[in-house]
């Protein structure tokens, strides 16, 4: 297992290099004038200098190899250019928005994974009975429902009618507190920072704003995880080693836990990894519907305003997350799949 994990870690630089090459090749579709925003550090540079001079200064008129080396050096330093849509450097915009997306992902992923696995296991163990039929209807409705429709329904019912879960990240009064000197922002995740500051009013307000988007994401992904778990468990239940375990007189509880569920979780790990990646990359539609200022809303706004620097910067950040999440999923395989441990 150690050799397997070591091989995956050693392959990271090669994968990252390939990702940067692909992004750089896509950048060649833009003109040097459009790429300037990915190199300048403030909009004053464009106002005070001739664009042609800046193009020569940043080497955008040089051969592709030299431009790639220069761009990689900037990426390593975290110099991703200036974002016009966020009115700040791209690096600062990503660092400012990512904690919101991370907070939303953490609140959504735990109930989604455990709830989806439990519902899928329940459906598989009650195959073709009323419990299975109810959970399948739940899954079909959830997976067929577009995320923007689900978000609007949650807003309409829980905010428009009941007034419980408002959009945004904080109420106006709470935002004024967290941006003042009396509140220390340790992580940028308001629920955690509120606990660290001992301010429970801010915690409950931030939690109230999180429930709406979390509920929307949970229902959509619950359905998907449940369907994968159910089908995987039904397939595993027909394996020879499961019948052998039952023939030995093992209790059904032990058969389900050791023989069925543990082996059925292998495809679920893959799906859960992709789900976490999607959440960390920013759920564009849900964040837009709930005006939840995270990475997804930043990317959507940058694309709408043709903010090339922000789009390229968030793409690079998302690709980095992709590589890291895939590594974590590969490592989890070593613990879930005995065949991987024996490699």
C-alpha atoms as a PDB file:
ATOM      1  CA  UNK A   1       0.000   0.000   0.000  1.00  0.00           C
ATOM      2  CA  UNK A   2       2.874   2.350   0.776  1.00  0.00           C
ATOM      3  CA  UNK A   3       4.330   1.860  -2.710  1.00  0.00           C
ATOM      4  CA  UNK A   4       0.921   2.556  -4.251  1.00  0.00           C
ATOM      5  CA  UNK A   5       0.532   5.843  -2.341  1.00  0.00           C
ATOM      6  CA  UNK A   6       4.134   6.825  -3.079  1.00  0.00           C
ATOM      7  CA  UNK A   7       3.617   6.300  -6.823  1.00  0.00           C
ATOM      8  CA  UNK A   8       0.533   8.511  -6.750  1.00  0.00           C
ATOM      9  CA  UNK A   9       2.397  11.275  -4.909  1.00  0.00           C
ATOM     10  CA  UNK A  10       5.386  11.108  -7.257  1.00  0.00           C
ATOM     11  CA  UNK A  11       3.087  11.426 -10.258  1.00  0.00           C
ATOM     12  CA  UNK A  12       1.710  14.760  -9.001  1.00  0.00           C
ATOM     13  CA  UNK A  13       4.408  17.005 -10.574  1.00  0.00           C
ATOM     14  CA  UNK A  14       3.886  15.362 -13.968  1.00  0.00           C
ATOM     15  CA  UNK A  15       0.122  15.813 -13.768  1.00  0.00           C
ATOM     16  CA  UNK A  16       0.425  19.449 -12.661  1.00  0.00           C
ATOM     17  CA  UNK A  17       2.879  20.131 -15.491  1.00  0.00           C
ATOM     18  CA  UNK A  18       0.419  18.657 -17.982  1.00  0.00           C
ATOM     19  CA  UNK A  19      -2.409  20.776 -16.567  1.00  0.00           C
ATOM     20  CA  UNK A  20      -0.358  23.984 -16.843  1.00  0.00           C
ATOM     21  CA  UNK A  21       0.545  23.140 -20.454  1.00  0.00           C
ATOM     22  CA  UNK A  22      -3.132  22.681 -21.351  1.00  0.00           C
ATOM     23  CA  UNK A  23      -4.102  25.981 -19.733  1.00  0.00           C
ATOM     24  CA  UNK A  24      -1.223  27.766 -21.467  1.00  0.00           C
ATOM     25  CA  UNK A  25      -2.300  26.343 -24.828  1.00  0.00           C
ATOM     26  CA  UNK A  26      -5.831  27.657 -24.224  1.00  0.00           C
ATOM     27  CA  UNK A  27      -4.343  31.055 -23.387  1.00  0.00           C
ATOM     28  CA  UNK A  28      -2.838  31.192 -26.875  1.00  0.00           C
ATOM     29  CA  UNK A  29      -6.343  31.644 -28.255  1.00  0.00           C
ATOM     30  CA  UNK A  30      -6.350  35.125 -26.677  1.00  0.00           C
ATOM     31  CA  UNK A  31      -4.577  38.146 -28.093  1.00  0.00           C
ATOM     32  CA  UNK A  32      -1.630  39.736 -26.208  1.00  0.00           C
ATOM     33  CA  UNK A  33      -3.880  42.693 -25.321  1.00  0.00           C
ATOM     34  CA  UNK A  34      -6.412  40.350 -23.695  1.00  0.00           C
ATOM     35  CA  UNK A  35      -3.666  38.528 -21.795  1.00  0.00           C
ATOM     36  CA  UNK A  36      -2.227  41.708 -20.305  1.00  0.00           C
ATOM     37  CA  UNK A  37      -4.636  41.511 -17.357  1.00  0.00           C
ATOM     38  CA  UNK A  38      -2.995  38.208 -16.350  1.00  0.00           C
ATOM     39  CA  UNK A  39       0.358  39.982 -15.908  1.00  0.00           C
ATOM     40  CA  UNK A  40      -0.342  43.492 -14.610  1.00  0.00           C
ATOM     41  CA  UNK A  41      -0.564  44.083 -10.870  1.00  0.00           C
ATOM     42  CA  UNK A  42      -2.941  47.059 -10.876  1.00  0.00           C
ATOM     43  CA  UNK A  43      -5.196  48.840 -13.398  1.00  0.00           C
ATOM     44  CA  UNK A  44      -3.009  51.953 -13.093  1.00  0.00           C
ATOM     45  CA  UNK A  45      -0.384  50.210 -15.226  1.00  0.00           C
ATOM     46  CA  UNK A  46      -2.773  50.209 -18.185  1.00  0.00           C
ATOM     47  CA  UNK A  47      -3.673  53.852 -17.595  1.00  0.00           C
ATOM     48  CA  UNK A  48      -0.123  55.118 -17.264  1.00  0.00           C
ATOM     49  CA  UNK A  49       1.658  53.052 -19.922  1.00  0.00           C
ATOM     50  CA  UNK A  50       1.175  52.227 -23.568  1.00  0.00           C
ATOM     51  CA  UNK A  51      -0.250  48.665 -23.970  1.00  0.00           C
ATOM     52  CA  UNK A  52       2.367  47.872 -26.618  1.00  0.00           C
ATOM     53  CA  UNK A  53       5.108  48.782 -24.160  1.00  0.00           C
ATOM     54  CA  UNK A  54       3.531  46.511 -21.524  1.00  0.00           C
ATOM     55  CA  UNK A  55       3.270  43.673 -24.027  1.00  0.00           C
ATOM     56  CA  UNK A  56       7.003  43.956 -24.668  1.00  0.00           C
ATOM     57  CA  UNK A  57       7.773  44.385 -20.949  1.00  0.00           C
ATOM     58  CA  UNK A  58       5.958  41.181 -19.980  1.00  0.00           C
ATOM     59  CA  UNK A  59       7.335  39.271 -22.960  1.00  0.00           C
ATOM     60  CA  UNK A  60       4.004  38.629 -24.652  1.00  0.00           C
ATOM     61  CA  UNK A  61       5.659  39.174 -28.033  1.00  0.00           C
ATOM     62  CA  UNK A  62       8.313  36.517 -27.398  1.00  0.00           C
ATOM     63  CA  UNK A  63       8.333  32.822 -28.445  1.00  0.00           C
ATOM     64  CA  UNK A  64       5.849  30.485 -26.761  1.00  0.00           C
ATOM     65  CA  UNK A  65       8.514  28.651 -24.730  1.00  0.00           C
ATOM     66  CA  UNK A  66       9.772  31.842 -23.096  1.00  0.00           C
ATOM     67  CA  UNK A  67       6.207  33.001 -22.408  1.00  0.00           C
ATOM     68  CA  UNK A  68       5.365  29.657 -20.781  1.00  0.00           C
ATOM     69  CA  UNK A  69       8.393  29.845 -18.455  1.00  0.00           C
ATOM     70  CA  UNK A  70       7.529  33.433 -17.517  1.00  0.00           C
ATOM     71  CA  UNK A  71       3.890  32.523 -16.875  1.00  0.00           C
ATOM     72  CA  UNK A  72       4.828  29.505 -14.711  1.00  0.00           C
ATOM     73  CA  UNK A  73       7.128  31.697 -12.632  1.00  0.00           C
ATOM     74  CA  UNK A  74       4.239  34.108 -12.044  1.00  0.00           C
ATOM     75  CA  UNK A  75       1.886  31.252 -11.089  1.00  0.00           C
ATOM     76  CA  UNK A  76       4.407  29.838  -8.591  1.00  0.00           C
ATOM     77  CA  UNK A  77       4.681  33.274  -6.965  1.00  0.00           C
ATOM     78  CA  UNK A  78       0.889  33.536  -6.884  1.00  0.00           C
ATOM     79  CA  UNK A  79       0.947  36.454  -9.308  1.00  0.00           C
ATOM     80  CA  UNK A  80      -2.179  35.781 -11.397  1.00  0.00           C
ATOM     81  CA  UNK A  81      -2.851  39.322 -12.561  1.00  0.00           C
ATOM     82  CA  UNK A  82      -5.582  41.865 -11.865  1.00  0.00           C
ATOM     83  CA  UNK A  83      -9.300  41.045 -11.744  1.00  0.00           C
ATOM     84  CA  UNK A  84     -11.472  43.846 -13.068  1.00  0.00           C
ATOM     85  CA  UNK A  85     -14.684  42.163 -11.910  1.00  0.00           C
ATOM     86  CA  UNK A  86     -13.453  41.797  -8.303  1.00  0.00           C
ATOM     87  CA  UNK A  87     -11.375  45.031  -8.410  1.00  0.00           C
ATOM     88  CA  UNK A  88      -8.422  43.350  -6.752  1.00  0.00           C
ATOM     89  CA  UNK A  89      -5.570  40.977  -7.666  1.00  0.00           C
ATOM     90  CA  UNK A  90      -6.822  37.561  -8.766  1.00  0.00           C
ATOM     91  CA  UNK A  91      -4.910  35.815  -5.973  1.00  0.00           C
ATOM     92  CA  UNK A  92      -6.600  37.990  -3.318  1.00  0.00           C
ATOM     93  CA  UNK A  93     -10.015  37.480  -4.939  1.00  0.00           C
ATOM     94  CA  UNK A  94      -9.606  33.679  -4.841  1.00  0.00           C
ATOM     95  CA  UNK A  95      -8.368  33.722  -1.249  1.00  0.00           C
ATOM     96  CA  UNK A  96     -11.269  35.994  -0.247  1.00  0.00           C
ATOM     97  CA  UNK A  97     -13.953  33.882  -1.923  1.00  0.00           C
ATOM     98  CA  UNK A  98     -12.671  30.336  -1.371  1.00  0.00           C
ATOM     99  CA  UNK A  99     -13.437  30.224   2.401  1.00  0.00           C
ATOM    100  CA  UNK A 100     -17.138  30.775   1.604  1.00  0.00           C
ATOM    101  CA  UNK A 101     -17.131  27.896  -0.882  1.00  0.00           C
ATOM    102  CA  UNK A 102     -15.161  25.700   1.535  1.00  0.00           C
ATOM    103  CA  UNK A 103     -17.632  26.446   4.330  1.00  0.00           C
ATOM    104  CA  UNK A 104     -20.580  25.580   2.091  1.00  0.00           C
ATOM    105  CA  UNK A 105     -18.851  22.396   0.906  1.00  0.00           C
ATOM    106  CA  UNK A 106     -18.117  21.237   4.462  1.00  0.00           C
ATOM    107  CA  UNK A 107     -21.710  21.755   5.559  1.00  0.00           C
ATOM    108  CA  UNK A 108     -23.052  19.997   2.464  1.00  0.00           C
ATOM    109  CA  UNK A 109     -20.680  17.061   2.013  1.00  0.00           C
ATOM    110  CA  UNK A 110     -21.092  15.349   5.406  1.00  0.00           C
ATOM    111  CA  UNK A 111     -24.914  14.978   5.343  1.00  0.00           C
ATOM    112  CA  UNK A 112     -24.805  14.185   1.615  1.00  0.00           C
ATOM    113  CA  UNK A 113     -22.335  11.310   1.876  1.00  0.00           C
ATOM    114  CA  UNK A 114     -23.666   9.733   5.053  1.00  0.00           C
ATOM    115  CA  UNK A 115     -27.307  10.377   4.146  1.00  0.00           C
ATOM    116  CA  UNK A 116     -26.844   9.044   0.619  1.00  0.00           C
ATOM    117  CA  UNK A 117     -25.068   5.903   1.821  1.00  0.00           C
ATOM    118  CA  UNK A 118     -27.685   5.226   4.490  1.00  0.00           C
ATOM    119  CA  UNK A 119     -30.587   5.750   2.080  1.00  0.00           C
ATOM    120  CA  UNK A 120     -28.900   3.649  -0.601  1.00  0.00           C
ATOM    121  CA  UNK A 121     -28.212   0.845   1.872  1.00  0.00           C
ATOM    122  CA  UNK A 122     -31.799   0.976   3.115  1.00  0.00           C
ATOM    123  CA  UNK A 123     -33.137   0.792  -0.449  1.00  0.00           C
ATOM    124  CA  UNK A 124     -30.884  -2.136  -1.354  1.00  0.00           C
ATOM    125  CA  UNK A 125     -31.760  -4.119   1.774  1.00  0.00           C
ATOM    126  CA  UNK A 126     -35.487  -3.557   1.098  1.00  0.00           C
ATOM    127  CA  UNK A 127     -35.241  -4.291  -2.606  1.00  0.00           C
ATOM    128  CA  UNK A 128     -38.608  -4.042  -4.431  1.00  0.00           C
ATOM    129  CA  UNK A 129     -40.448  -3.287  -1.198  1.00  0.00           C
ATOM    130  CA  UNK A 130     -42.157  -0.059  -0.130  1.00  0.00           C
ATOM    131  CA  UNK A 131     -38.968   1.386   1.361  1.00  0.00           C
ATOM    132  CA  UNK A 132     -37.106   0.825  -1.897  1.00  0.00           C
ATOM    133  CA  UNK A 133     -39.906   2.382  -3.947  1.00  0.00           C
ATOM    134  CA  UNK A 134     -40.081   5.496  -1.745  1.00  0.00           C
ATOM    135  CA  UNK A 135     -36.335   6.101  -1.827  1.00  0.00           C
ATOM    136  CA  UNK A 136     -36.241   5.573  -5.601  1.00  0.00           C
ATOM    137  CA  UNK A 137     -38.977   8.182  -6.071  1.00  0.00           C
ATOM    138  CA  UNK A 138     -36.987  10.491  -3.799  1.00  0.00           C
ATOM    139  CA  UNK A 139     -33.870   9.904  -5.908  1.00  0.00           C
ATOM    140  CA  UNK A 140     -35.580  10.330  -9.280  1.00  0.00           C
ATOM    141  CA  UNK A 141     -37.188  13.621  -8.249  1.00  0.00           C
ATOM    142  CA  UNK A 142     -33.961  14.924  -6.725  1.00  0.00           C
ATOM    143  CA  UNK A 143     -31.702  13.982  -9.627  1.00  0.00           C
ATOM    144  CA  UNK A 144     -34.189  15.257 -12.224  1.00  0.00           C
ATOM    145  CA  UNK A 145     -34.626  18.620 -10.522  1.00  0.00           C
ATOM    146  CA  UNK A 146     -32.363  21.359 -11.995  1.00  0.00           C
ATOM    147  CA  UNK A 147     -30.263  23.023  -9.336  1.00  0.00           C
ATOM    148  CA  UNK A 148     -31.582  26.519 -10.118  1.00  0.00           C
ATOM    149  CA  UNK A 149     -35.177  25.261  -9.797  1.00  0.00           C
ATOM    150  CA  UNK A 150     -34.383  23.567  -6.487  1.00  0.00           C
ATOM    151  CA  UNK A 151     -32.689  26.712  -5.207  1.00  0.00           C
ATOM    152  CA  UNK A 152     -35.574  28.944  -6.236  1.00  0.00           C
ATOM    153  CA  UNK A 153     -38.076  26.578  -4.579  1.00  0.00           C
ATOM    154  CA  UNK A 154     -36.068  26.639  -1.347  1.00  0.00           C
ATOM    155  CA  UNK A 155     -35.907  30.441  -1.471  1.00  0.00           C
ATOM    156  CA  UNK A 156     -39.604  30.745  -2.258  1.00  0.00           C
ATOM    157  CA  UNK A 157     -40.768  28.390   0.508  1.00  0.00           C
ATOM    158  CA  UNK A 158     -38.262  28.883   3.322  1.00  0.00           C
ATOM    159  CA  UNK A 159     -37.515  32.581   2.775  1.00  0.00           C
ATOM    160  CA  UNK A 160     -40.372  34.051   0.752  1.00  0.00           C
ATOM    161  CA  UNK A 161     -43.135  32.316   2.742  1.00  0.00           C
ATOM    162  CA  UNK A 162     -41.608  31.337   6.066  1.00  0.00           C
ATOM    163  CA  UNK A 163     -38.818  33.937   6.233  1.00  0.00           C
ATOM    164  CA  UNK A 164     -36.339  31.455   7.707  1.00  0.00           C
ATOM    165  CA  UNK A 165     -33.293  31.061   5.441  1.00  0.00           C
ATOM    166  CA  UNK A 166     -32.326  34.324   3.676  1.00  0.00           C
ATOM    167  CA  UNK A 167     -29.869  34.560   0.753  1.00  0.00           C
ATOM    168  CA  UNK A 168     -26.317  35.890   1.078  1.00  0.00           C
ATOM    169  CA  UNK A 169     -23.746  34.923   3.699  1.00  0.00           C
ATOM    170  CA  UNK A 170     -24.743  37.257   6.536  1.00  0.00           C
ATOM    171  CA  UNK A 171     -27.352  39.795   7.517  1.00  0.00           C
ATOM    172  CA  UNK A 172     -26.410  43.469   7.209  1.00  0.00           C
ATOM    173  CA  UNK A 173     -25.900  43.931  10.942  1.00  0.00           C
ATOM    174  CA  UNK A 174     -23.743  40.801  11.151  1.00  0.00           C
ATOM    175  CA  UNK A 175     -21.642  41.815   8.153  1.00  0.00           C
ATOM    176  CA  UNK A 176     -20.918  45.167   9.785  1.00  0.00           C
ATOM    177  CA  UNK A 177     -19.617  43.337  12.856  1.00  0.00           C
ATOM    178  CA  UNK A 178     -17.404  40.818  11.017  1.00  0.00           C
ATOM    179  CA  UNK A 179     -15.799  43.626   8.981  1.00  0.00           C
ATOM    180  CA  UNK A 180     -15.104  45.740  12.064  1.00  0.00           C
ATOM    181  CA  UNK A 181     -12.044  45.743  14.311  1.00  0.00           C
ATOM    182  CA  UNK A 182     -13.873  43.954  17.101  1.00  0.00           C
ATOM    183  CA  UNK A 183     -14.143  40.717  15.079  1.00  0.00           C
ATOM    184  CA  UNK A 184     -11.076  38.688  14.080  1.00  0.00           C
ATOM    185  CA  UNK A 185     -11.380  36.767  10.802  1.00  0.00           C
ATOM    186  CA  UNK A 186      -9.187  33.729  11.369  1.00  0.00           C
ATOM    187  CA  UNK A 187     -10.326  31.564   8.445  1.00  0.00           C
ATOM    188  CA  UNK A 188     -12.912  33.519   6.449  1.00  0.00           C
ATOM    189  CA  UNK A 189     -15.520  30.865   7.342  1.00  0.00           C
ATOM    190  CA  UNK A 190     -17.996  32.848   9.395  1.00  0.00           C
ATOM    191  CA  UNK A 191     -19.409  29.970  11.445  1.00  0.00           C
ATOM    192  CA  UNK A 192     -15.950  28.859  12.583  1.00  0.00           C
ATOM    193  CA  UNK A 193     -14.696  32.407  13.112  1.00  0.00           C
ATOM    194  CA  UNK A 194     -17.804  33.222  15.146  1.00  0.00           C
ATOM    195  CA  UNK A 195     -17.047  30.293  17.458  1.00  0.00           C
ATOM    196  CA  UNK A 196     -13.405  31.364  17.789  1.00  0.00           C
ATOM    197  CA  UNK A 197     -14.550  34.896  18.606  1.00  0.00           C
ATOM    198  CA  UNK A 198     -17.188  33.618  21.037  1.00  0.00           C
ATOM    199  CA  UNK A 199     -19.924  35.484  19.150  1.00  0.00           C
ATOM    200  CA  UNK A 200     -22.887  33.118  18.980  1.00  0.00           C
ATOM    201  CA  UNK A 201     -25.195  35.689  17.389  1.00  0.00           C
ATOM    202  CA  UNK A 202     -22.930  35.778  14.323  1.00  0.00           C
ATOM    203  CA  UNK A 203     -22.721  31.968  14.343  1.00  0.00           C
ATOM    204  CA  UNK A 204     -26.484  31.490  14.241  1.00  0.00           C
ATOM    205  CA  UNK A 205     -26.893  34.164  11.588  1.00  0.00           C
ATOM    206  CA  UNK A 206     -24.198  32.591   9.371  1.00  0.00           C
ATOM    207  CA  UNK A 207     -25.722  29.148   9.925  1.00  0.00           C
ATOM    208  CA  UNK A 208     -29.172  30.456   8.999  1.00  0.00           C
ATOM    209  CA  UNK A 209     -27.788  31.735   5.690  1.00  0.00           C
ATOM    210  CA  UNK A 210     -26.003  28.431   5.017  1.00  0.00           C
ATOM    211  CA  UNK A 211     -29.046  26.184   5.394  1.00  0.00           C
ATOM    212  CA  UNK A 212     -30.717  27.239   2.121  1.00  0.00           C
ATOM    213  CA  UNK A 213     -27.840  26.443  -0.282  1.00  0.00           C
ATOM    214  CA  UNK A 214     -26.836  23.424   1.801  1.00  0.00           C
ATOM    215  CA  UNK A 215     -30.365  22.023   1.614  1.00  0.00           C
ATOM    216  CA  UNK A 216     -30.434  22.526  -2.158  1.00  0.00           C
ATOM    217  CA  UNK A 217     -27.082  20.811  -2.696  1.00  0.00           C
ATOM    218  CA  UNK A 218     -27.880  18.053  -0.220  1.00  0.00           C
ATOM    219  CA  UNK A 219     -31.090  17.044  -1.957  1.00  0.00           C
ATOM    220  CA  UNK A 220     -29.498  16.993  -5.407  1.00  0.00           C
ATOM    221  CA  UNK A 221     -26.431  15.015  -4.348  1.00  0.00           C
ATOM    222  CA  UNK A 222     -28.288  12.806  -1.862  1.00  0.00           C
ATOM    223  CA  UNK A 223     -30.218  11.395  -4.787  1.00  0.00           C
ATOM    224  CA  UNK A 224     -27.069  10.694  -6.797  1.00  0.00           C
ATOM    225  CA  UNK A 225     -25.098   9.087  -3.961  1.00  0.00           C
ATOM    226  CA  UNK A 226     -28.158   7.042  -2.978  1.00  0.00           C
ATOM    227  CA  UNK A 227     -28.607   5.650  -6.498  1.00  0.00           C
ATOM    228  CA  UNK A 228     -24.913   4.713  -6.802  1.00  0.00           C
ATOM    229  CA  UNK A 229     -24.903   3.050  -3.361  1.00  0.00           C
ATOM    230  CA  UNK A 230     -28.131   1.139  -4.047  1.00  0.00           C
ATOM    231  CA  UNK A 231     -27.024  -0.226  -7.426  1.00  0.00           C
ATOM    232  CA  UNK A 232     -23.550  -1.091  -6.125  1.00  0.00           C
ATOM    233  CA  UNK A 233     -24.954  -2.932  -3.104  1.00  0.00           C
ATOM    234  CA  UNK A 234     -27.486  -4.858  -5.220  1.00  0.00           C
ATOM    235  CA  UNK A 235     -24.660  -5.960  -7.506  1.00  0.00           C
ATOM    236  CA  UNK A 236     -22.462  -6.953  -4.553  1.00  0.00           C
ATOM    237  CA  UNK A 237     -25.269  -8.948  -2.899  1.00  0.00           C
ATOM    238  CA  UNK A 238     -25.159 -11.433  -5.780  1.00  0.00           C
ATOM    239  CA  UNK A 239     -21.440 -12.156  -5.447  1.00  0.00           C
ATOM    240  CA  UNK A 240     -20.212 -15.624  -4.466  1.00  0.00           C
ATOM    241  CA  UNK A 241     -18.361 -14.439  -1.362  1.00  0.00           C
ATOM    242  CA  UNK A 242     -21.607 -12.976   0.033  1.00  0.00           C
ATOM    243  CA  UNK A 243     -23.418 -16.281  -0.429  1.00  0.00           C
ATOM    244  CA  UNK A 244     -20.453 -18.034   1.183  1.00  0.00           C
ATOM    245  CA  UNK A 245     -20.654 -15.725   4.204  1.00  0.00           C
ATOM    246  CA  UNK A 246     -24.349 -16.444   4.616  1.00  0.00           C
ATOM    247  CA  UNK A 247     -23.790 -20.185   4.219  1.00  0.00           C
ATOM    248  CA  UNK A 248     -21.350 -20.067   7.140  1.00  0.00           C
ATOM    249  CA  UNK A 249     -24.214 -18.928   9.355  1.00  0.00           C
ATOM    250  CA  UNK A 250     -22.943 -15.389   9.886  1.00  0.00           C
ATOM    251  CA  UNK A 251     -25.549 -12.922  11.152  1.00  0.00           C
ATOM    252  CA  UNK A 252     -27.077 -10.742   8.435  1.00  0.00           C
ATOM    253  CA  UNK A 253     -25.732  -7.664  10.187  1.00  0.00           C
ATOM    254  CA  UNK A 254     -22.162  -8.958   9.829  1.00  0.00           C
ATOM    255  CA  UNK A 255     -22.718  -9.990   6.192  1.00  0.00           C
ATOM    256  CA  UNK A 256     -24.036  -6.545   5.301  1.00  0.00           C
ATOM    257  CA  UNK A 257     -21.262  -4.684   7.092  1.00  0.00           C
ATOM    258  CA  UNK A 258     -18.203  -6.802   6.179  1.00  0.00           C
ATOM    259  CA  UNK A 259     -19.143  -8.366   2.858  1.00  0.00           C
ATOM    260  CA  UNK A 260     -21.675  -6.116   1.138  1.00  0.00           C
ATOM    261  CA  UNK A 261     -21.358  -2.502   2.253  1.00  0.00           C
ATOM    262  CA  UNK A 262     -17.550  -2.370   2.467  1.00  0.00           C
ATOM    263  CA  UNK A 263     -17.143  -3.684  -1.091  1.00  0.00           C
ATOM    264  CA  UNK A 264     -20.035  -1.615  -2.445  1.00  0.00           C
ATOM    265  CA  UNK A 265     -18.391   1.588  -1.230  1.00  0.00           C
ATOM    266  CA  UNK A 266     -15.624   1.415  -3.861  1.00  0.00           C
ATOM    267  CA  UNK A 267     -17.590   3.196  -6.646  1.00  0.00           C
ATOM    268  CA  UNK A 268     -19.160   5.489  -4.032  1.00  0.00           C
ATOM    269  CA  UNK A 269     -15.680   6.768  -3.099  1.00  0.00           C
ATOM    270  CA  UNK A 270     -15.092   7.789  -6.714  1.00  0.00           C
ATOM    271  CA  UNK A 271     -18.429   9.583  -6.971  1.00  0.00           C
ATOM    272  CA  UNK A 272     -17.950  11.267  -3.586  1.00  0.00           C
ATOM    273  CA  UNK A 273     -14.516  12.505  -4.667  1.00  0.00           C
ATOM    274  CA  UNK A 274     -15.975  14.085  -7.797  1.00  0.00           C
ATOM    275  CA  UNK A 275     -18.772  15.605  -5.715  1.00  0.00           C
ATOM    276  CA  UNK A 276     -16.316  17.170  -3.265  1.00  0.00           C
ATOM    277  CA  UNK A 277     -14.304  18.497  -6.203  1.00  0.00           C
ATOM    278  CA  UNK A 278     -17.415  20.086  -7.681  1.00  0.00           C
ATOM    279  CA  UNK A 279     -18.311  21.683  -4.364  1.00  0.00           C
ATOM    280  CA  UNK A 280     -14.809  23.051  -3.777  1.00  0.00           C
ATOM    281  CA  UNK A 281     -14.612  24.349  -7.324  1.00  0.00           C
ATOM    282  CA  UNK A 282     -17.623  26.496  -6.637  1.00  0.00           C
ATOM    283  CA  UNK A 283     -21.245  25.581  -7.266  1.00  0.00           C
ATOM    284  CA  UNK A 284     -21.938  28.354  -9.763  1.00  0.00           C
ATOM    285  CA  UNK A 285     -25.712  28.084 -10.071  1.00  0.00           C
ATOM    286  CA  UNK A 286     -26.475  27.567  -6.378  1.00  0.00           C
ATOM    287  CA  UNK A 287     -24.118  30.358  -5.303  1.00  0.00           C
ATOM    288  CA  UNK A 288     -25.683  32.666  -7.892  1.00  0.00           C
ATOM    289  CA  UNK A 289     -29.268  31.870  -6.836  1.00  0.00           C
ATOM    290  CA  UNK A 290     -28.501  32.439  -3.155  1.00  0.00           C
ATOM    291  CA  UNK A 291     -26.074  35.345  -3.774  1.00  0.00           C
ATOM    292  CA  UNK A 292     -23.538  33.311  -1.814  1.00  0.00           C
ATOM    293  CA  UNK A 293     -20.251  35.083  -2.567  1.00  0.00           C
ATOM    294  CA  UNK A 294     -17.992  32.102  -3.139  1.00  0.00           C
ATOM    295  CA  UNK A 295     -15.626  30.890  -5.825  1.00  0.00           C
ATOM    296  CA  UNK A 296     -18.427  29.834  -8.157  1.00  0.00           C
ATOM    297  CA  UNK A 297     -20.051  33.275  -8.131  1.00  0.00           C
ATOM    298  CA  UNK A 298     -16.632  34.862  -8.687  1.00  0.00           C
ATOM    299  CA  UNK A 299     -16.040  32.685 -11.767  1.00  0.00           C
ATOM    300  CA  UNK A 300     -19.516  33.358 -13.157  1.00  0.00           C
ATOM    301  CA  UNK A 301     -19.155  37.118 -12.707  1.00  0.00           C
ATOM    302  CA  UNK A 302     -15.688  37.073 -14.299  1.00  0.00           C
ATOM    303  CA  UNK A 303     -16.982  35.145 -17.312  1.00  0.00           C
ATOM    304  CA  UNK A 304     -19.925  37.526 -17.757  1.00  0.00           C
ATOM    305  CA  UNK A 305     -17.616  40.556 -17.679  1.00  0.00           C
ATOM    306  CA  UNK A 306     -14.922  38.942 -19.888  1.00  0.00           C
ATOM    307  CA  UNK A 307     -12.435  39.150 -17.022  1.00  0.00           C
ATOM    308  CA  UNK A 308      -9.793  36.904 -18.598  1.00  0.00           C
ATOM    309  CA  UNK A 309      -7.332  37.100 -15.705  1.00  0.00           C
ATOM    310  CA  UNK A 310      -9.919  35.968 -13.144  1.00  0.00           C
ATOM    311  CA  UNK A 311     -11.224  33.186 -15.409  1.00  0.00           C
ATOM    312  CA  UNK A 312      -7.687  31.860 -16.026  1.00  0.00           C
ATOM    313  CA  UNK A 313      -6.765  32.209 -12.360  1.00  0.00           C
ATOM    314  CA  UNK A 314      -9.832  30.357 -11.073  1.00  0.00           C
ATOM    315  CA  UNK A 315      -9.316  27.695 -13.749  1.00  0.00           C
ATOM    316  CA  UNK A 316      -5.753  27.151 -12.560  1.00  0.00           C
ATOM    317  CA  UNK A 317      -6.930  26.980  -8.957  1.00  0.00           C
ATOM    318  CA  UNK A 318      -9.695  24.536  -9.848  1.00  0.00           C
ATOM    319  CA  UNK A 319      -7.227  22.293 -11.715  1.00  0.00           C
ATOM    320  CA  UNK A 320      -4.954  22.298  -8.667  1.00  0.00           C
ATOM    321  CA  UNK A 321      -7.915  21.215  -6.529  1.00  0.00           C
ATOM    322  CA  UNK A 322      -8.688  18.501  -9.081  1.00  0.00           C
ATOM    323  CA  UNK A 323      -5.204  17.037  -8.745  1.00  0.00           C
ATOM    324  CA  UNK A 324      -5.296  17.129  -4.927  1.00  0.00           C
ATOM    325  CA  UNK A 325      -8.796  15.614  -4.643  1.00  0.00           C
ATOM    326  CA  UNK A 326      -7.885  12.837  -7.098  1.00  0.00           C
ATOM    327  CA  UNK A 327      -4.821  12.052  -4.978  1.00  0.00           C
ATOM    328  CA  UNK A 328      -6.993  11.844  -1.846  1.00  0.00           C
ATOM    329  CA  UNK A 329      -9.469   9.558  -3.655  1.00  0.00           C
ATOM    330  CA  UNK A 330      -6.619   7.298  -4.797  1.00  0.00           C
ATOM    331  CA  UNK A 331      -5.344   7.088  -1.215  1.00  0.00           C
ATOM    332  CA  UNK A 332      -8.840   6.254   0.044  1.00  0.00           C
ATOM    333  CA  UNK A 333      -8.953   3.432  -2.497  1.00  0.00           C
ATOM    334  CA  UNK A 334      -5.985   1.883  -0.702  1.00  0.00           C
ATOM    335  CA  UNK A 335      -8.071   1.663   2.480  1.00  0.00           C
ATOM    336  CA  UNK A 336     -11.367   0.622   0.883  1.00  0.00           C
ATOM    337  CA  UNK A 337     -10.237  -1.825  -1.816  1.00  0.00           C
ATOM    338  CA  UNK A 338      -8.143  -4.790  -0.555  1.00  0.00           C
ATOM    339  CA  UNK A 339      -6.836  -5.398  -4.086  1.00  0.00           C
ATOM    340  CA  UNK A 340      -5.113  -2.023  -4.041  1.00  0.00           C
ATOM    341  CA  UNK A 341      -3.536  -2.719  -0.652  1.00  0.00           C
ATOM    342  CA  UNK A 342      -1.992  -5.901  -2.030  1.00  0.00           C
ATOM    343  CA  UNK A 343      -0.346  -4.163  -5.010  1.00  0.00           C
END
